[in-house]
Amino acid sequence: MSTGDFMTNKLYHAKIEVGLKPGYMDPEGETARKALLDLMYKVRRVGTARIYEVDLQASSLEDAKKKVDEMCRKLLANPVKDDYTFEIREMK
């Protein structure tokens, strides 16, 4: 990336949530569910997820969305067992 790229790109903040697809075992969530039941909370299911917060440069909001989706598919989520969602906002 050249120094000129910094002048044309904007800074975006992405919040990415990665969680297991339905049907996959979530031992941490199940342990938390049992503990909550022991504490007399009437919970049916507890699921765990990972949250990533990423600041990135992109030429537009659409470009930022494309890059974040690519990050998820290539590294942050396993497409076989994980689902992911993300929100992106431009930073001032």
Protein backbone atom coordinates (compact mmCIF):
# COMPACT_ATOMS: atom_id res chain seq x y z
CA MET A 1 0.00 0.00 0.00
CA SER A 2 1.48 3.34 -0.97
CA THR A 3 1.21 6.53 1.05
CA GLY A 4 -1.29 7.78 -1.52
CA ASP A 5 -3.66 4.98 -0.52
CA PHE A 6 -3.90 6.43 2.97
CA MET A 7 -5.19 9.68 1.51
CA THR A 8 -7.99 8.10 -0.55
CA ASN A 9 -9.06 5.38 1.89
CA LYS A 10 -11.37 5.92 4.82
CA LEU A 11 -11.13 4.24 8.18
CA TYR A 12 -13.88 1.79 9.17
CA HIS A 13 -14.62 -0.13 12.36
CA ALA A 14 -16.06 -3.64 12.02
CA LYS A 15 -17.62 -5.67 14.81
CA ILE A 16 -17.69 -9.34 13.81
CA GLU A 17 -19.56 -12.10 15.67
CA VAL A 18 -18.63 -15.72 14.95
CA GLY A 19 -20.72 -18.54 16.42
CA LEU A 20 -21.40 -22.20 15.86
CA LYS A 21 -23.98 -23.29 13.30
CA PRO A 22 -27.00 -25.16 14.68
CA GLY A 23 -26.26 -28.80 15.40
CA TYR A 24 -22.65 -28.33 16.48
CA MET A 25 -21.61 -29.12 20.04
CA ASP A 26 -20.98 -26.10 22.26
CA PRO A 27 -19.50 -27.50 25.48
CA GLU A 28 -18.84 -24.06 26.97
CA GLY A 29 -22.41 -22.95 26.31
CA GLU A 30 -23.79 -26.21 27.72
CA THR A 31 -21.71 -25.83 30.90
CA ALA A 32 -23.00 -22.28 31.34
CA ARG A 33 -26.59 -23.45 30.72
CA LYS A 34 -26.31 -26.12 33.43
CA ALA A 35 -24.79 -23.63 35.88
CA LEU A 36 -27.59 -21.14 35.21
CA LEU A 37 -30.18 -23.87 35.78
CA ASP A 38 -28.46 -24.68 39.10
CA LEU A 39 -28.85 -21.00 39.99
CA MET A 40 -32.59 -21.36 39.29
CA TYR A 41 -32.65 -19.44 36.00
CA LYS A 42 -35.07 -20.97 33.52
CA VAL A 43 -32.87 -20.99 30.43
CA ARG A 44 -33.38 -23.28 27.46
CA ARG A 45 -30.15 -22.74 25.58
CA VAL A 46 -26.87 -20.88 26.01
CA GLY A 47 -24.58 -20.41 23.05
CA THR A 48 -21.12 -18.97 22.89
CA ALA A 49 -19.66 -16.70 20.23
CA ARG A 50 -16.41 -14.91 19.53
CA ILE A 51 -16.37 -11.17 18.91
CA TYR A 52 -13.69 -9.51 16.81
CA GLU A 53 -13.32 -5.76 16.48
CA VAL A 54 -11.29 -4.67 13.47
CA ASP A 55 -10.29 -1.22 12.28
CA LEU A 56 -9.49 -1.23 8.58
CA GLN A 57 -8.95 1.06 5.66
CA ALA A 58 -11.16 0.81 2.60
CA SER A 59 -12.15 3.03 -0.29
CA SER A 60 -15.89 2.82 0.52
CA LEU A 61 -18.39 1.11 2.81
CA GLU A 62 -18.99 -1.53 0.13
CA ASP A 63 -15.25 -2.16 -0.14
CA ALA A 64 -15.03 -2.45 3.67
CA LYS A 65 -17.90 -4.99 3.68
CA LYS A 66 -16.16 -7.01 0.97
CA LYS A 67 -12.88 -7.02 2.88
CA VAL A 68 -14.48 -7.99 6.21
CA ASP A 69 -16.45 -10.80 4.57
CA GLU A 70 -13.20 -12.05 3.02
CA MET A 71 -11.45 -11.90 6.42
CA CYS A 72 -14.22 -14.01 7.91
CA ARG A 73 -14.15 -16.60 5.14
CA LYS A 74 -10.35 -16.86 5.05
CA LEU A 75 -9.44 -16.73 8.75
CA LEU A 76 -11.92 -15.70 11.43
CA ALA A 77 -14.68 -18.28 10.82
CA ASN A 78 -14.61 -21.91 9.80
CA PRO A 79 -17.27 -22.08 7.04
CA VAL A 80 -17.97 -25.75 7.84
CA LYS A 81 -19.06 -25.16 11.44
CA ASP A 82 -19.38 -21.39 11.98
CA ASP A 83 -21.85 -18.67 11.06
CA TYR A 84 -20.82 -15.03 11.20
CA THR A 85 -22.38 -11.60 11.08
CA PHE A 86 -20.79 -8.17 11.10
CA GLU A 87 -21.56 -4.49 11.41
CA ILE A 88 -19.37 -1.77 9.93
CA ARG A 89 -19.29 1.94 10.58
CA GLU A 90 -17.10 4.69 9.24
CA MET A 91 -14.80 6.18 11.85
CA LYS A 92 -14.41 9.94 12.09
